[in-house]
Amino acid sequence: MGGHHLVLGETVDYLTGEIREDTLDERYRQEIARLLVEDKGFRREDLTPRVSIDIDLGDKQARVRLDLIVHFNERIVLLIKYAPGSLTTRHQVAIAASRLLAPYQIPFSVVTNGKDADILNNYTGEGIESGLDRIFSRKALETRIRSCDVRPVSRHHRELAARILYAYEVDGRCPCDDSVCEYEHR
């Protein structure tokens, strides 16, 4: 991580057991994973941390990271985006990521700053719930996804989503943020 983050030492990743730099942001990420497993009933194998999305705009490419995804039966059903500060500025990021991470629309997102959370319906872009305590339990998410059809994402919508994600996560990032990888045309 490095950059502008205050490194407090090392910590063990709750889900993977890997050693990670201990930062305030990483502590929030670990708490979110712990909340999902210990309070919301998710199994560790339902969760995958630090998932990369490659963005290719032709003349610009980058790799950005999502904090956590939830999958059932090899289908991603929820993505979680952590970032400090305002939640509303991350809504478009989460919706865009939900159109790029898989060939289908991922139905739900959680945007969180570690103290609060917004749960989004990615099909409509609308907020469903607010608050960390309102994040779906495993059982509630299983019930909700039964009524969600698998919708492929058109090429046009994928291109728009890539531009949105690039604008927010690459162009709009702090210059010392090394969690985003920007690279020249391949």
C-alpha atoms as a PDB file:
ATOM      1  CA  MET A   1       0.000   0.000   0.000  1.00  0.00           C
ATOM      2  CA  GLY A   2       2.454   2.692   1.137  1.00  0.00           C
ATOM      3  CA  GLY A   3       1.824   6.155  -0.274  1.00  0.00           C
ATOM      4  CA  HIS A   4       0.077   8.486   2.122  1.00  0.00           C
ATOM      5  CA  HIS A   5      -1.295   5.800   4.436  1.00  0.00           C
ATOM      6  CA  LEU A   6      -0.062   5.685   8.003  1.00  0.00           C
ATOM      7  CA  VAL A   7       1.331   2.174   8.414  1.00  0.00           C
ATOM      8  CA  LEU A   8       0.788   0.918  11.947  1.00  0.00           C
ATOM      9  CA  GLY A   9       2.595  -2.378  11.497  1.00  0.00           C
ATOM     10  CA  GLU A  10       1.248  -5.650  10.150  1.00  0.00           C
ATOM     11  CA  THR A  11      -2.049  -7.458  10.507  1.00  0.00           C
ATOM     12  CA  VAL A  12      -3.407 -10.849   9.501  1.00  0.00           C
ATOM     13  CA  ASP A  13      -6.135 -10.839   6.858  1.00  0.00           C
ATOM     14  CA  TYR A  14      -9.331 -12.184   8.431  1.00  0.00           C
ATOM     15  CA  LEU A  15     -10.355 -14.143   5.328  1.00  0.00           C
ATOM     16  CA  THR A  16      -7.079 -15.364   3.850  1.00  0.00           C
ATOM     17  CA  GLY A  17      -4.604 -15.411   6.731  1.00  0.00           C
ATOM     18  CA  GLU A  18      -2.166 -13.352   4.642  1.00  0.00           C
ATOM     19  CA  ILE A  19      -0.002 -10.732   6.315  1.00  0.00           C
ATOM     20  CA  ARG A  20      -1.107  -7.213   5.295  1.00  0.00           C
ATOM     21  CA  GLU A  21       0.067  -3.723   6.149  1.00  0.00           C
ATOM     22  CA  ASP A  22      -1.929  -2.487   9.122  1.00  0.00           C
ATOM     23  CA  THR A  23      -3.493   0.846   8.155  1.00  0.00           C
ATOM     24  CA  LEU A  24      -6.681   2.521   9.312  1.00  0.00           C
ATOM     25  CA  ASP A  25      -8.304   1.689   5.962  1.00  0.00           C
ATOM     26  CA  GLU A  26      -7.214  -1.954   6.224  1.00  0.00           C
ATOM     27  CA  ARG A  27      -8.695  -2.146   9.720  1.00  0.00           C
ATOM     28  CA  TYR A  28     -12.070  -1.054   8.332  1.00  0.00           C
ATOM     29  CA  ARG A  29     -11.808  -3.628   5.521  1.00  0.00           C
ATOM     30  CA  GLN A  30     -11.065  -6.365   8.043  1.00  0.00           C
ATOM     31  CA  GLU A  31     -13.994  -5.286  10.228  1.00  0.00           C
ATOM     32  CA  ILE A  32     -16.341  -5.477   7.239  1.00  0.00           C
ATOM     33  CA  ALA A  33     -15.179  -9.034   6.456  1.00  0.00           C
ATOM     34  CA  ARG A  34     -15.562  -9.985  10.119  1.00  0.00           C
ATOM     35  CA  LEU A  35     -19.082  -8.463  10.205  1.00  0.00           C
ATOM     36  CA  LEU A  36     -20.136 -10.501   7.175  1.00  0.00           C
ATOM     37  CA  VAL A  37     -18.879 -13.791   8.602  1.00  0.00           C
ATOM     38  CA  GLU A  38     -19.590 -13.421  12.310  1.00  0.00           C
ATOM     39  CA  ASP A  39     -22.792 -11.353  12.284  1.00  0.00           C
ATOM     40  CA  LYS A  40     -24.333 -11.852   8.848  1.00  0.00           C
ATOM     41  CA  GLY A  41     -23.790 -15.597   8.465  1.00  0.00           C
ATOM     42  CA  PHE A  42     -21.608 -15.644   5.359  1.00  0.00           C
ATOM     43  CA  ARG A  43     -19.071 -18.410   4.970  1.00  0.00           C
ATOM     44  CA  ARG A  44     -15.490 -17.402   4.335  1.00  0.00           C
ATOM     45  CA  GLU A  45     -15.609 -19.253   1.034  1.00  0.00           C
ATOM     46  CA  ASP A  46     -18.505 -16.990  -0.075  1.00  0.00           C
ATOM     47  CA  LEU A  47     -16.138 -14.006   0.063  1.00  0.00           C
ATOM     48  CA  THR A  48     -13.184 -13.010  -2.104  1.00  0.00           C
ATOM     49  CA  PRO A  49     -11.119  -9.969  -1.092  1.00  0.00           C
ATOM     50  CA  ARG A  50      -9.130  -7.586  -3.293  1.00  0.00           C
ATOM     51  CA  VAL A  51     -10.591  -8.368  -6.700  1.00  0.00           C
ATOM     52  CA  SER A  52      -9.073  -6.534  -9.664  1.00  0.00           C
ATOM     53  CA  ILE A  53     -10.913  -5.048 -12.623  1.00  0.00           C
ATOM     54  CA  ASP A  54      -8.974  -4.228 -15.780  1.00  0.00           C
ATOM     55  CA  ILE A  55     -10.140  -1.134 -17.628  1.00  0.00           C
ATOM     56  CA  ASP A  56      -9.268  -0.701 -21.304  1.00  0.00           C
ATOM     57  CA  LEU A  57     -10.320   2.527 -22.984  1.00  0.00           C
ATOM     58  CA  GLY A  58      -8.109   2.002 -26.018  1.00  0.00           C
ATOM     59  CA  ASP A  59      -5.531   4.690 -25.333  1.00  0.00           C
ATOM     60  CA  LYS A  60      -5.740   4.330 -21.545  1.00  0.00           C
ATOM     61  CA  GLN A  61      -5.588   1.203 -19.408  1.00  0.00           C
ATOM     62  CA  ALA A  62      -5.684   0.687 -15.681  1.00  0.00           C
ATOM     63  CA  ARG A  63      -6.327  -1.910 -13.030  1.00  0.00           C
ATOM     64  CA  VAL A  64      -8.508  -0.979 -10.061  1.00  0.00           C
ATOM     65  CA  ARG A  65      -9.402  -3.017  -7.028  1.00  0.00           C
ATOM     66  CA  LEU A  66     -12.668  -3.834  -5.344  1.00  0.00           C
ATOM     67  CA  ASP A  67     -12.462  -4.645  -1.683  1.00  0.00           C
ATOM     68  CA  LEU A  68     -14.709  -7.687  -1.510  1.00  0.00           C
ATOM     69  CA  ILE A  69     -17.102  -9.747  -3.595  1.00  0.00           C
ATOM     70  CA  VAL A  70     -19.743 -12.221  -2.477  1.00  0.00           C
ATOM     71  CA  HIS A  71     -20.518 -15.189  -4.690  1.00  0.00           C
ATOM     72  CA  PHE A  72     -22.998 -18.038  -4.544  1.00  0.00           C
ATOM     73  CA  ASN A  73     -22.765 -21.004  -6.926  1.00  0.00           C
ATOM     74  CA  GLU A  74     -19.961 -19.348  -8.917  1.00  0.00           C
ATOM     75  CA  ARG A  75     -22.094 -16.238  -9.538  1.00  0.00           C
ATOM     76  CA  ILE A  76     -21.059 -12.883  -8.086  1.00  0.00           C
ATOM     77  CA  VAL A  77     -24.119 -11.446  -6.346  1.00  0.00           C
ATOM     78  CA  LEU A  78     -22.729  -8.577  -4.261  1.00  0.00           C
ATOM     79  CA  LEU A  79     -19.703  -6.333  -4.423  1.00  0.00           C
ATOM     80  CA  ILE A  80     -18.349  -4.180  -1.627  1.00  0.00           C
ATOM     81  CA  LYS A  81     -16.468  -0.950  -2.192  1.00  0.00           C
ATOM     82  CA  TYR A  82     -14.725   0.641   0.779  1.00  0.00           C
ATOM     83  CA  ALA A  83     -13.446   4.216   0.670  1.00  0.00           C
ATOM     84  CA  PRO A  84     -13.099   6.845   3.376  1.00  0.00           C
ATOM     85  CA  GLY A  85     -15.368   9.875   3.223  1.00  0.00           C
ATOM     86  CA  SER A  86     -18.675  10.424   1.483  1.00  0.00           C
ATOM     87  CA  LEU A  87     -20.662   7.378   0.415  1.00  0.00           C
ATOM     88  CA  THR A  88     -22.650   9.036  -2.366  1.00  0.00           C
ATOM     89  CA  THR A  89     -19.484   9.751  -4.346  1.00  0.00           C
ATOM     90  CA  ARG A  90     -18.909   5.977  -4.548  1.00  0.00           C
ATOM     91  CA  HIS A  91     -22.358   4.957  -5.800  1.00  0.00           C
ATOM     92  CA  GLN A  92     -21.468   5.396  -9.483  1.00  0.00           C
ATOM     93  CA  VAL A  93     -18.178   3.563  -8.928  1.00  0.00           C
ATOM     94  CA  ALA A  94     -19.991   0.541  -7.489  1.00  0.00           C
ATOM     95  CA  ILE A  95     -22.635   0.477 -10.215  1.00  0.00           C
ATOM     96  CA  ALA A  96     -19.970   0.788 -12.926  1.00  0.00           C
ATOM     97  CA  ALA A  97     -17.932  -2.008 -11.335  1.00  0.00           C
ATOM     98  CA  SER A  98     -21.058  -4.184 -11.227  1.00  0.00           C
ATOM     99  CA  ARG A  99     -21.174  -3.968 -15.030  1.00  0.00           C
ATOM    100  CA  LEU A 100     -17.502  -4.781 -15.586  1.00  0.00           C
ATOM    101  CA  LEU A 101     -16.606  -7.479 -13.093  1.00  0.00           C
ATOM    102  CA  ALA A 102     -18.587 -10.236 -14.824  1.00  0.00           C
ATOM    103  CA  PRO A 103     -20.334 -10.691 -18.183  1.00  0.00           C
ATOM    104  CA  TYR A 104     -23.633 -10.179 -16.329  1.00  0.00           C
ATOM    105  CA  GLN A 105     -24.951  -7.388 -14.123  1.00  0.00           C
ATOM    106  CA  ILE A 106     -24.054  -8.020 -10.482  1.00  0.00           C
ATOM    107  CA  PRO A 107     -27.338  -7.338  -8.670  1.00  0.00           C
ATOM    108  CA  PHE A 108     -26.218  -5.575  -5.465  1.00  0.00           C
ATOM    109  CA  SER A 109     -23.451  -3.374  -4.082  1.00  0.00           C
ATOM    110  CA  VAL A 110     -22.453  -2.096  -0.682  1.00  0.00           C
ATOM    111  CA  VAL A 111     -20.576   1.184  -0.518  1.00  0.00           C
ATOM    112  CA  THR A 112     -19.008   1.825   2.869  1.00  0.00           C
ATOM    113  CA  ASN A 113     -16.596   4.099   4.670  1.00  0.00           C
ATOM    114  CA  GLY A 114     -16.354   1.630   7.548  1.00  0.00           C
ATOM    115  CA  LYS A 115     -18.693   3.660   9.756  1.00  0.00           C
ATOM    116  CA  ASP A 116     -21.752   3.723   7.522  1.00  0.00           C
ATOM    117  CA  ALA A 117     -22.946   1.879   4.429  1.00  0.00           C
ATOM    118  CA  ASP A 118     -25.334   2.259   1.513  1.00  0.00           C
ATOM    119  CA  ILE A 119     -26.770  -0.859  -0.103  1.00  0.00           C
ATOM    120  CA  LEU A 120     -27.576  -0.391  -3.798  1.00  0.00           C
ATOM    121  CA  ASN A 121     -29.733  -2.173  -6.336  1.00  0.00           C
ATOM    122  CA  ASN A 122     -27.358  -2.195  -9.312  1.00  0.00           C
ATOM    123  CA  TYR A 123     -30.157  -2.808 -11.828  1.00  0.00           C
ATOM    124  CA  THR A 124     -31.924   0.441 -10.920  1.00  0.00           C
ATOM    125  CA  GLY A 125     -29.104   2.399  -9.277  1.00  0.00           C
ATOM    126  CA  GLU A 126     -31.351   3.075  -6.297  1.00  0.00           C
ATOM    127  CA  GLY A 127     -30.413   2.851  -2.657  1.00  0.00           C
ATOM    128  CA  ILE A 128     -32.170   0.011  -0.841  1.00  0.00           C
ATOM    129  CA  GLU A 129     -30.890   0.443   2.711  1.00  0.00           C
ATOM    130  CA  SER A 130     -28.452   2.538   4.737  1.00  0.00           C
ATOM    131  CA  GLY A 131     -26.302   1.537   7.692  1.00  0.00           C
ATOM    132  CA  LEU A 132     -23.793  -1.214   8.419  1.00  0.00           C
ATOM    133  CA  ASP A 133     -26.477  -3.073  10.362  1.00  0.00           C
ATOM    134  CA  ARG A 134     -28.667  -3.104   7.226  1.00  0.00           C
ATOM    135  CA  ILE A 135     -26.170  -5.036   5.087  1.00  0.00           C
ATOM    136  CA  PHE A 136     -27.925  -8.212   3.967  1.00  0.00           C
ATOM    137  CA  SER A 137     -27.388 -11.407   5.890  1.00  0.00           C
ATOM    138  CA  ARG A 138     -26.455 -14.452   3.839  1.00  0.00           C
ATOM    139  CA  LYS A 139     -30.000 -15.767   4.130  1.00  0.00           C
ATOM    140  CA  ALA A 140     -31.564 -12.434   3.115  1.00  0.00           C
ATOM    141  CA  LEU A 141     -29.222 -12.137   0.131  1.00  0.00           C
ATOM    142  CA  GLU A 142     -30.063 -15.683  -0.994  1.00  0.00           C
ATOM    143  CA  THR A 143     -33.753 -14.762  -0.860  1.00  0.00           C
ATOM    144  CA  ARG A 144     -33.232 -11.510  -2.768  1.00  0.00           C
ATOM    145  CA  ILE A 145     -31.198 -13.038  -5.584  1.00  0.00           C
ATOM    146  CA  ARG A 146     -33.902 -15.615  -6.312  1.00  0.00           C
ATOM    147  CA  SER A 147     -35.931 -12.801  -7.863  1.00  0.00           C
ATOM    148  CA  CYS A 148     -32.954 -11.407  -9.817  1.00  0.00           C
ATOM    149  CA  ASP A 149     -32.536 -12.620 -13.341  1.00  0.00           C
ATOM    150  CA  VAL A 150     -29.066 -12.929 -14.836  1.00  0.00           C
ATOM    151  CA  ARG A 151     -28.801  -9.958 -17.176  1.00  0.00           C
ATOM    152  CA  PRO A 152     -25.954  -9.749 -19.653  1.00  0.00           C
ATOM    153  CA  VAL A 153     -24.302  -6.333 -19.891  1.00  0.00           C
ATOM    154  CA  SER A 154     -24.263  -4.882 -23.389  1.00  0.00           C
ATOM    155  CA  ARG A 155     -20.997  -3.761 -24.927  1.00  0.00           C
ATOM    156  CA  HIS A 156     -22.261  -0.173 -24.888  1.00  0.00           C
ATOM    157  CA  HIS A 157     -23.020  -0.280 -21.156  1.00  0.00           C
ATOM    158  CA  ARG A 158     -19.661  -1.926 -20.443  1.00  0.00           C
ATOM    159  CA  GLU A 159     -17.873   0.880 -22.322  1.00  0.00           C
ATOM    160  CA  LEU A 160     -19.783   3.543 -20.384  1.00  0.00           C
ATOM    161  CA  ALA A 161     -19.058   1.752 -17.112  1.00  0.00           C
ATOM    162  CA  ALA A 162     -15.343   1.566 -17.952  1.00  0.00           C
ATOM    163  CA  ARG A 163     -15.244   5.329 -18.568  1.00  0.00           C
ATOM    164  CA  ILE A 164     -17.036   6.055 -15.295  1.00  0.00           C
ATOM    165  CA  LEU A 165     -14.766   3.741 -13.319  1.00  0.00           C
ATOM    166  CA  TYR A 166     -11.657   5.230 -14.941  1.00  0.00           C
ATOM    167  CA  ALA A 167     -12.811   8.787 -14.231  1.00  0.00           C
ATOM    168  CA  TYR A 168     -13.551   8.142 -10.565  1.00  0.00           C
ATOM    169  CA  GLU A 169     -10.885   5.616  -9.640  1.00  0.00           C
ATOM    170  CA  VAL A 170      -7.952   6.530 -11.890  1.00  0.00           C
ATOM    171  CA  ASP A 171      -8.267  10.175 -12.949  1.00  0.00           C
ATOM    172  CA  GLY A 172      -9.756  11.163  -9.598  1.00  0.00           C
ATOM    173  CA  ARG A 173      -7.356   9.315  -7.330  1.00  0.00           C
ATOM    174  CA  CYS A 174      -4.831  10.802  -4.975  1.00  0.00           C
ATOM    175  CA  PRO A 175      -1.424  10.922  -6.754  1.00  0.00           C
ATOM    176  CA  CYS A 176       0.174   8.855  -3.984  1.00  0.00           C
ATOM    177  CA  ASP A 177      -2.491   6.118  -4.078  1.00  0.00           C
ATOM    178  CA  ASP A 178      -0.673   3.002  -5.199  1.00  0.00           C
ATOM    179  CA  SER A 179      -3.724   0.703  -5.033  1.00  0.00           C
ATOM    180  CA  VAL A 180      -4.527   1.669  -8.648  1.00  0.00           C
ATOM    181  CA  CYS A 181      -2.260   0.596 -11.481  1.00  0.00           C
ATOM    182  CA  GLU A 182      -2.288   2.794 -14.573  1.00  0.00           C
ATOM    183  CA  TYR A 183      -0.306   1.678 -17.586  1.00  0.00           C
ATOM    184  CA  GLU A 184       0.485   2.757 -21.108  1.00  0.00           C
ATOM    185  CA  HIS A 185      -1.206   1.366 -24.194  1.00  0.00           C
ATOM    186  CA  ARG A 186      -0.242  -2.280 -24.657  1.00  0.00           C
END
